[in-house]
Amino acid sequence: LDTDNNPVYNNAIYLQLLLKGLGNVAGSSPAII
């Protein structure tokens, strides 16, 4: 909350391209989902 008690947010944009069959280092879903 800011000094006037209004909420403050973090904005996020996430773009994911997955080429199947090449393996996976981490989970395929972002944590926000």
PDB file of all heavy atoms in Angstrom:
ATOM      1  N   LEU A   1       0.855  -1.191   0.000  1.00  0.00           N
ATOM      2  CA  LEU A   1       0.000   0.000   0.000  1.00  0.00           C
ATOM      3  C   LEU A   1       0.890   1.239   0.000  1.00  0.00           C
ATOM      4  O   LEU A   1       1.931   1.258   0.666  1.00  0.00           O
ATOM      5  CB  LEU A   1      -0.905   0.017   1.231  1.00  0.00           C
ATOM      6  CG  LEU A   1      -1.968  -1.066   1.315  1.00  0.00           C
ATOM      7  CD1 LEU A   1      -2.684  -0.999   2.659  1.00  0.00           C
ATOM      8  CD2 LEU A   1      -2.961  -0.943   0.174  1.00  0.00           C
ATOM      9  N   ASP A   2       0.472   2.282  -0.728  1.00  0.00           N
ATOM     10  CA  ASP A   2       1.237   3.524  -0.705  1.00  0.00           C
ATOM     11  C   ASP A   2       0.843   4.354   0.518  1.00  0.00           C
ATOM     12  O   ASP A   2       0.074   3.897   1.369  1.00  0.00           O
ATOM     13  CB  ASP A   2       1.072   4.303  -2.019  1.00  0.00           C
ATOM     14  CG  ASP A   2      -0.348   4.778  -2.259  1.00  0.00           C
ATOM     15  OD1 ASP A   2      -1.192   4.719  -1.342  1.00  0.00           O
ATOM     16  OD2 ASP A   2      -0.616   5.233  -3.394  1.00  0.00           O
ATOM     17  N   THR A   3       1.334   5.560   0.611  1.00  0.00           N
ATOM     18  CA  THR A   3       1.081   6.396   1.794  1.00  0.00           C
ATOM     19  C   THR A   3      -0.382   6.795   1.939  1.00  0.00           C
ATOM     20  O   THR A   3      -0.827   7.127   3.034  1.00  0.00           O
ATOM     21  CB  THR A   3       1.946   7.672   1.748  1.00  0.00           C
ATOM     22  OG1 THR A   3       1.695   8.366   0.523  1.00  0.00           O
ATOM     23  CG2 THR A   3       3.421   7.319   1.846  1.00  0.00           C
ATOM     24  N   ASP A   4      -1.155   6.761   0.843  1.00  0.00           N
ATOM     25  CA  ASP A   4      -2.590   7.070   0.892  1.00  0.00           C
ATOM     26  C   ASP A   4      -3.450   5.813   1.015  1.00  0.00           C
ATOM     27  O   ASP A   4      -4.658   5.859   0.797  1.00  0.00           O
ATOM     28  CB  ASP A   4      -3.004   7.849  -0.356  1.00  0.00           C
ATOM     29  CG  ASP A   4      -2.342   9.199  -0.431  1.00  0.00           C
ATOM     30  OD1 ASP A   4      -2.115   9.811   0.637  1.00  0.00           O
ATOM     31  OD2 ASP A   4      -2.041   9.649  -1.563  1.00  0.00           O
ATOM     32  N   ASN A   5      -2.823   4.681   1.330  1.00  0.00           N
ATOM     33  CA  ASN A   5      -3.493   3.378   1.450  1.00  0.00           C
ATOM     34  C   ASN A   5      -4.118   2.892   0.148  1.00  0.00           C
ATOM     35  O   ASN A   5      -5.116   2.187   0.153  1.00  0.00           O
ATOM     36  CB  ASN A   5      -4.535   3.379   2.565  1.00  0.00           C
ATOM     37  CG  ASN A   5      -3.883   3.318   3.924  1.00  0.00           C
ATOM     38  OD1 ASN A   5      -2.780   2.783   4.061  1.00  0.00           O
ATOM     39  ND2 ASN A   5      -4.527   3.861   4.921  1.00  0.00           N
ATOM     40  N   ASN A   6      -3.525   3.276  -0.987  1.00  0.00           N
ATOM     41  CA  ASN A   6      -3.925   2.739  -2.283  1.00  0.00           C
ATOM     42  C   ASN A   6      -3.001   1.583  -2.635  1.00  0.00           C
ATOM     43  O   ASN A   6      -1.795   1.636  -2.356  1.00  0.00           O
ATOM     44  CB  ASN A   6      -3.831   3.814  -3.376  1.00  0.00           C
ATOM     45  CG  ASN A   6      -4.815   4.937  -3.135  1.00  0.00           C
ATOM     46  OD1 ASN A   6      -5.961   4.694  -2.781  1.00  0.00           O
ATOM     47  ND2 ASN A   6      -4.364   6.171  -3.310  1.00  0.00           N
ATOM     48  N   PRO A   7      -3.524   0.539  -3.250  1.00  0.00           N
ATOM     49  CA  PRO A   7      -2.675  -0.612  -3.578  1.00  0.00           C
ATOM     50  C   PRO A   7      -1.650  -0.271  -4.664  1.00  0.00           C
ATOM     51  O   PRO A   7      -1.927   0.493  -5.577  1.00  0.00           O
ATOM     52  CB  PRO A   7      -3.668  -1.663  -4.068  1.00  0.00           C
ATOM     53  CG  PRO A   7      -4.882  -0.904  -4.460  1.00  0.00           C
ATOM     54  CD  PRO A   7      -4.913   0.321  -3.634  1.00  0.00           C
ATOM     55  N   VAL A   8      -0.463  -0.854  -4.525  1.00  0.00           N
ATOM     56  CA  VAL A   8       0.612  -0.742  -5.507  1.00  0.00           C
ATOM     57  C   VAL A   8       0.818  -2.131  -6.094  1.00  0.00           C
ATOM     58  O   VAL A   8       0.875  -3.118  -5.348  1.00  0.00           O
ATOM     59  CB  VAL A   8       1.916  -0.229  -4.852  1.00  0.00           C
ATOM     60  CG1 VAL A   8       3.054  -0.196  -5.849  1.00  0.00           C
ATOM     61  CG2 VAL A   8       1.687   1.125  -4.226  1.00  0.00           C
ATOM     62  N   TYR A   9       0.941  -2.225  -7.409  1.00  0.00           N
ATOM     63  CA  TYR A   9       1.029  -3.514  -8.085  1.00  0.00           C
ATOM     64  C   TYR A   9       2.327  -3.641  -8.868  1.00  0.00           C
ATOM     65  O   TYR A   9       2.911  -2.655  -9.304  1.00  0.00           O
ATOM     66  CB  TYR A   9      -0.135  -3.681  -9.070  1.00  0.00           C
ATOM     67  CG  TYR A   9      -1.486  -3.665  -8.415  1.00  0.00           C
ATOM     68  CD1 TYR A   9      -2.246  -2.504  -8.377  1.00  0.00           C
ATOM     69  CD2 TYR A   9      -2.005  -4.813  -7.840  1.00  0.00           C
ATOM     70  CE1 TYR A   9      -3.495  -2.483  -7.776  1.00  0.00           C
ATOM     71  CE2 TYR A   9      -3.241  -4.800  -7.237  1.00  0.00           C
ATOM     72  CZ  TYR A   9      -3.984  -3.637  -7.206  1.00  0.00           C
ATOM     73  OH  TYR A   9      -5.206  -3.629  -6.612  1.00  0.00           O
ATOM     74  N   ASN A  10       2.744  -4.877  -9.075  1.00  0.00           N
ATOM     75  CA  ASN A  10       3.810  -5.218 -10.006  1.00  0.00           C
ATOM     76  C   ASN A  10       3.138  -5.739 -11.267  1.00  0.00           C
ATOM     77  O   ASN A  10       2.324  -6.665 -11.203  1.00  0.00           O
ATOM     78  CB  ASN A  10       4.731  -6.300  -9.437  1.00  0.00           C
ATOM     79  CG  ASN A  10       5.575  -5.788  -8.308  1.00  0.00           C
ATOM     80  OD1 ASN A  10       6.003  -4.649  -8.312  1.00  0.00           O
ATOM     81  ND2 ASN A  10       5.813  -6.637  -7.320  1.00  0.00           N
ATOM     82  N   ASN A  11       3.459  -5.154 -12.415  1.00  0.00           N
ATOM     83  CA  ASN A  11       2.913  -5.603 -13.688  1.00  0.00           C
ATOM     84  C   ASN A  11       3.795  -6.699 -14.267  1.00  0.00           C
ATOM     85  O   ASN A  11       5.015  -6.665 -14.107  1.00  0.00           O
ATOM     86  CB  ASN A  11       2.840  -4.442 -14.683  1.00  0.00           C
ATOM     87  CG  ASN A  11       1.920  -3.344 -14.202  1.00  0.00           C
ATOM     88  OD1 ASN A  11       0.891  -3.608 -13.610  1.00  0.00           O
ATOM     89  ND2 ASN A  11       2.309  -2.105 -14.437  1.00  0.00           N
ATOM     90  N   ALA A  12       3.181  -7.646 -14.967  1.00  0.00           N
ATOM     91  CA  ALA A  12       3.938  -8.739 -15.557  1.00  0.00           C
ATOM     92  C   ALA A  12       3.366  -9.098 -16.920  1.00  0.00           C
ATOM     93  O   ALA A  12       2.154  -9.146 -17.105  1.00  0.00           O
ATOM     94  CB  ALA A  12       3.895  -9.961 -14.646  1.00  0.00           C
ATOM     95  N   ILE A  13       4.260  -9.326 -17.873  1.00  0.00           N
ATOM     96  CA  ILE A  13       3.903  -9.877 -19.178  1.00  0.00           C
ATOM     97  C   ILE A  13       4.858 -11.036 -19.421  1.00  0.00           C
ATOM     98  O   ILE A  13       6.066 -10.907 -19.234  1.00  0.00           O
ATOM     99  CB  ILE A  13       4.035  -8.828 -20.300  1.00  0.00           C
ATOM    100  CG1 ILE A  13       3.055  -7.693 -20.074  1.00  0.00           C
ATOM    101  CG2 ILE A  13       3.800  -9.478 -21.654  1.00  0.00           C
ATOM    102  CD1 ILE A  13       3.180  -6.577 -21.074  1.00  0.00           C
ATOM    103  N   TYR A  14       4.310 -12.145 -19.825  1.00  0.00           N
ATOM    104  CA  TYR A  14       5.093 -13.361 -19.986  1.00  0.00           C
ATOM    105  C   TYR A  14       4.766 -13.969 -21.339  1.00  0.00           C
ATOM    106  O   TYR A  14       3.598 -14.176 -21.663  1.00  0.00           O
ATOM    107  CB  TYR A  14       4.733 -14.329 -18.851  1.00  0.00           C
ATOM    108  CG  TYR A  14       5.499 -15.610 -18.839  1.00  0.00           C
ATOM    109  CD1 TYR A  14       6.729 -15.706 -18.183  1.00  0.00           C
ATOM    110  CD2 TYR A  14       5.013 -16.740 -19.456  1.00  0.00           C
ATOM    111  CE1 TYR A  14       7.435 -16.886 -18.158  1.00  0.00           C
ATOM    112  CE2 TYR A  14       5.719 -17.933 -19.433  1.00  0.00           C
ATOM    113  CZ  TYR A  14       6.928 -17.992 -18.788  1.00  0.00           C
ATOM    114  OH  TYR A  14       7.621 -19.167 -18.773  1.00  0.00           O
ATOM    115  N   LEU A  15       5.773 -14.223 -22.153  1.00  0.00           N
ATOM    116  CA  LEU A  15       5.619 -14.883 -23.441  1.00  0.00           C
ATOM    117  C   LEU A  15       6.495 -16.119 -23.442  1.00  0.00           C
ATOM    118  O   LEU A  15       7.682 -16.046 -23.112  1.00  0.00           O
ATOM    119  CB  LEU A  15       6.026 -13.952 -24.588  1.00  0.00           C
ATOM    120  CG  LEU A  15       5.989 -14.563 -25.984  1.00  0.00           C
ATOM    121  CD1 LEU A  15       4.552 -14.919 -26.377  1.00  0.00           C
ATOM    122  CD2 LEU A  15       6.602 -13.617 -26.996  1.00  0.00           C
ATOM    123  N   GLN A  16       5.912 -17.246 -23.790  1.00  0.00           N
ATOM    124  CA  GLN A  16       6.652 -18.504 -23.779  1.00  0.00           C
ATOM    125  C   GLN A  16       6.451 -19.213 -25.106  1.00  0.00           C
ATOM    126  O   GLN A  16       5.330 -19.359 -25.582  1.00  0.00           O
ATOM    127  CB  GLN A  16       6.168 -19.404 -22.647  1.00  0.00           C
ATOM    128  CG  GLN A  16       6.870 -20.732 -22.597  1.00  0.00           C
ATOM    129  CD  GLN A  16       6.327 -21.627 -21.491  1.00  0.00           C
ATOM    130  OE1 GLN A  16       5.197 -21.466 -21.063  1.00  0.00           O
ATOM    131  NE2 GLN A  16       7.132 -22.554 -21.044  1.00  0.00           N
ATOM    132  N   LEU A  17       7.552 -19.636 -25.714  1.00  0.00           N
ATOM    133  CA  LEU A  17       7.533 -20.459 -26.914  1.00  0.00           C
ATOM    134  C   LEU A  17       8.175 -21.784 -26.556  1.00  0.00           C
ATOM    135  O   LEU A  17       9.291 -21.824 -26.038  1.00  0.00           O
ATOM    136  CB  LEU A  17       8.306 -19.787 -28.051  1.00  0.00           C
ATOM    137  CG  LEU A  17       8.457 -20.606 -29.327  1.00  0.00           C
ATOM    138  CD1 LEU A  17       7.087 -20.869 -29.960  1.00  0.00           C
ATOM    139  CD2 LEU A  17       9.376 -19.911 -30.297  1.00  0.00           C
ATOM    140  N   LEU A  18       7.469 -22.870 -26.804  1.00  0.00           N
ATOM    141  CA  LEU A  18       7.956 -24.196 -26.458  1.00  0.00           C
ATOM    142  C   LEU A  18       8.104 -25.004 -27.737  1.00  0.00           C
ATOM    143  O   LEU A  18       7.156 -25.133 -28.510  1.00  0.00           O
ATOM    144  CB  LEU A  18       6.969 -24.884 -25.511  1.00  0.00           C
ATOM    145  CG  LEU A  18       7.309 -26.296 -25.083  1.00  0.00           C
ATOM    146  CD1 LEU A  18       8.499 -26.283 -24.138  1.00  0.00           C
ATOM    147  CD2 LEU A  18       6.122 -26.947 -24.414  1.00  0.00           C
ATOM    148  N   LEU A  19       9.308 -25.510 -27.976  1.00  0.00           N
ATOM    149  CA  LEU A  19       9.560 -26.413 -29.094  1.00  0.00           C
ATOM    150  C   LEU A  19       9.609 -27.818 -28.522  1.00  0.00           C
ATOM    151  O   LEU A  19      10.558 -28.185 -27.835  1.00  0.00           O
ATOM    152  CB  LEU A  19      10.866 -26.043 -29.802  1.00  0.00           C
ATOM    153  CG  LEU A  19      10.921 -24.617 -30.336  1.00  0.00           C
ATOM    154  CD1 LEU A  19      12.302 -24.299 -30.881  1.00  0.00           C
ATOM    155  CD2 LEU A  19       9.852 -24.408 -31.393  1.00  0.00           C
ATOM    156  N   LYS A  20       8.598 -28.591 -28.785  1.00  0.00           N
ATOM    157  CA  LYS A  20       8.456 -29.907 -28.164  1.00  0.00           C
ATOM    158  C   LYS A  20       9.533 -30.867 -28.666  1.00  0.00           C
ATOM    159  O   LYS A  20       9.958 -30.816 -29.803  1.00  0.00           O
ATOM    160  CB  LYS A  20       7.074 -30.469 -28.455  1.00  0.00           C
ATOM    161  CG  LYS A  20       5.975 -29.641 -27.835  1.00  0.00           C
ATOM    162  CD  LYS A  20       4.633 -30.231 -28.146  1.00  0.00           C
ATOM    163  CE  LYS A  20       3.539 -29.430 -27.498  1.00  0.00           C
ATOM    164  NZ  LYS A  20       2.237 -30.003 -27.755  1.00  0.00           N
ATOM    165  N   GLY A  21       9.958 -31.737 -27.773  1.00  0.00           N
ATOM    166  CA  GLY A  21      10.952 -32.738 -28.116  1.00  0.00           C
ATOM    167  C   GLY A  21      12.379 -32.295 -27.876  1.00  0.00           C
ATOM    168  O   GLY A  21      13.299 -33.075 -28.072  1.00  0.00           O
ATOM    169  N   LEU A  22      12.609 -31.066 -27.439  1.00  0.00           N
ATOM    170  CA  LEU A  22      13.968 -30.585 -27.200  1.00  0.00           C
ATOM    171  C   LEU A  22      14.377 -30.663 -25.736  1.00  0.00           C
ATOM    172  O   LEU A  22      15.447 -30.227 -25.369  1.00  0.00           O
ATOM    173  CB  LEU A  22      14.113 -29.148 -27.698  1.00  0.00           C
ATOM    174  CG  LEU A  22      13.974 -28.957 -29.202  1.00  0.00           C
ATOM    175  CD1 LEU A  22      14.132 -27.488 -29.560  1.00  0.00           C
ATOM    176  CD2 LEU A  22      14.982 -29.801 -29.957  1.00  0.00           C
ATOM    177  N   GLY A  23      13.516 -31.181 -24.886  1.00  0.00           N
ATOM    178  CA  GLY A  23      13.843 -31.306 -23.476  1.00  0.00           C
ATOM    179  C   GLY A  23      13.328 -30.131 -22.673  1.00  0.00           C
ATOM    180  O   GLY A  23      12.799 -29.164 -23.216  1.00  0.00           O
ATOM    181  N   ASN A  24      13.525 -30.210 -21.365  1.00  0.00           N
ATOM    182  CA  ASN A  24      12.992 -29.201 -20.469  1.00  0.00           C
ATOM    183  C   ASN A  24      13.953 -29.023 -19.310  1.00  0.00           C
ATOM    184  O   ASN A  24      14.297 -29.982 -18.638  1.00  0.00           O
ATOM    185  CB  ASN A  24      11.619 -29.650 -19.971  1.00  0.00           C
ATOM    186  CG  ASN A  24      10.869 -28.562 -19.256  1.00  0.00           C
ATOM    187  OD1 ASN A  24      11.354 -27.457 -19.136  1.00  0.00           O
ATOM    188  ND2 ASN A  24       9.688 -28.890 -18.778  1.00  0.00           N
ATOM    189  N   VAL A  25      14.398 -27.798 -19.081  1.00  0.00           N
ATOM    190  CA  VAL A  25      15.313 -27.514 -17.982  1.00  0.00           C
ATOM    191  C   VAL A  25      14.545 -27.270 -16.695  1.00  0.00           C
ATOM    192  O   VAL A  25      14.927 -27.717 -15.632  1.00  0.00           O
ATOM    193  CB  VAL A  25      16.203 -26.290 -18.316  1.00  0.00           C
ATOM    194  CG1 VAL A  25      17.074 -25.914 -17.135  1.00  0.00           C
ATOM    195  CG2 VAL A  25      17.038 -26.587 -19.532  1.00  0.00           C
ATOM    196  N   ALA A  26      13.446 -26.559 -16.790  1.00  0.00           N
ATOM    197  CA  ALA A  26      12.614 -26.249 -15.627  1.00  0.00           C
ATOM    198  C   ALA A  26      11.172 -26.588 -15.971  1.00  0.00           C
ATOM    199  O   ALA A  26      10.881 -27.054 -17.058  1.00  0.00           O
ATOM    200  CB  ALA A  26      12.754 -24.772 -15.278  1.00  0.00           C
ATOM    201  N   GLY A  27      10.267 -26.346 -15.039  1.00  0.00           N
ATOM    202  CA  GLY A  27       8.855 -26.549 -15.330  1.00  0.00           C
ATOM    203  C   GLY A  27       8.413 -25.649 -16.475  1.00  0.00           C
ATOM    204  O   GLY A  27       8.928 -24.555 -16.656  1.00  0.00           O
ATOM    205  N   SER A  28       7.458 -26.090 -17.240  1.00  0.00           N
ATOM    206  CA  SER A  28       7.061 -25.315 -18.405  1.00  0.00           C
ATOM    207  C   SER A  28       6.096 -24.190 -18.069  1.00  0.00           C
ATOM    208  O   SER A  28       5.882 -23.306 -18.881  1.00  0.00           O
ATOM    209  CB  SER A  28       6.444 -26.230 -19.463  1.00  0.00           C
ATOM    210  OG  SER A  28       5.282 -26.856 -18.971  1.00  0.00           O
ATOM    211  N   SER A  29       5.478 -24.205 -16.899  1.00  0.00           N
ATOM    212  CA  SER A  29       4.537 -23.149 -16.525  1.00  0.00           C
ATOM    213  C   SER A  29       5.222 -22.095 -15.670  1.00  0.00           C
ATOM    214  O   SER A  29       5.958 -22.423 -14.752  1.00  0.00           O
ATOM    215  CB  SER A  29       3.373 -23.719 -15.723  1.00  0.00           C
ATOM    216  OG  SER A  29       2.537 -24.453 -16.548  1.00  0.00           O
ATOM    217  N   PRO A  30       4.960 -20.816 -15.956  1.00  0.00           N
ATOM    218  CA  PRO A  30       5.498 -19.784 -15.072  1.00  0.00           C
ATOM    219  C   PRO A  30       4.815 -19.858 -13.711  1.00  0.00           C
ATOM    220  O   PRO A  30       3.661 -20.266 -13.601  1.00  0.00           O
ATOM    221  CB  PRO A  30       5.161 -18.483 -15.799  1.00  0.00           C
ATOM    222  CG  PRO A  30       4.036 -18.826 -16.709  1.00  0.00           C
ATOM    223  CD  PRO A  30       4.204 -20.278 -17.062  1.00  0.00           C
ATOM    224  N   ALA A  31       5.526 -19.453 -12.693  1.00  0.00           N
ATOM    225  CA  ALA A  31       5.006 -19.537 -11.322  1.00  0.00           C
ATOM    226  C   ALA A  31       3.729 -18.735 -11.134  1.00  0.00           C
ATOM    227  O   ALA A  31       2.866 -19.120 -10.347  1.00  0.00           O
ATOM    228  CB  ALA A  31       6.070 -19.067 -10.329  1.00  0.00           C
ATOM    229  N   ILE A  32       3.572 -17.629 -11.869  1.00  0.00           N
ATOM    230  CA  ILE A  32       2.369 -16.812 -11.711  1.00  0.00           C
ATOM    231  C   ILE A  32       1.116 -17.613 -12.050  1.00  0.00           C
ATOM    232  O   ILE A  32       0.085 -17.463 -11.417  1.00  0.00           O
ATOM    233  CB  ILE A  32       2.455 -15.513 -12.545  1.00  0.00           C
ATOM    234  CG1 ILE A  32       1.287 -14.589 -12.210  1.00  0.00           C
ATOM    235  CG2 ILE A  32       2.513 -15.796 -14.017  1.00  0.00           C
ATOM    236  CD1 ILE A  32       1.375 -13.225 -12.848  1.00  0.00           C
ATOM    237  N   ILE A  33       1.194 -18.494 -13.034  1.00  0.00           N
ATOM    238  CA  ILE A  33       0.026 -19.311 -13.386  1.00  0.00           C
ATOM    239  C   ILE A  33      -0.240 -20.337 -12.292  1.00  0.00           C
ATOM    240  O   ILE A  33      -1.363 -20.484 -11.819  1.00  0.00           O
ATOM    241  CB  ILE A  33       0.224 -20.029 -14.729  1.00  0.00           C
ATOM    242  CG1 ILE A  33       0.369 -19.027 -15.867  1.00  0.00           C
ATOM    243  CG2 ILE A  33      -0.962 -20.958 -15.006  1.00  0.00           C
ATOM    244  CD1 ILE A  33       0.709 -19.663 -17.187  1.00  0.00           C
TER     245      ILE A  33
END
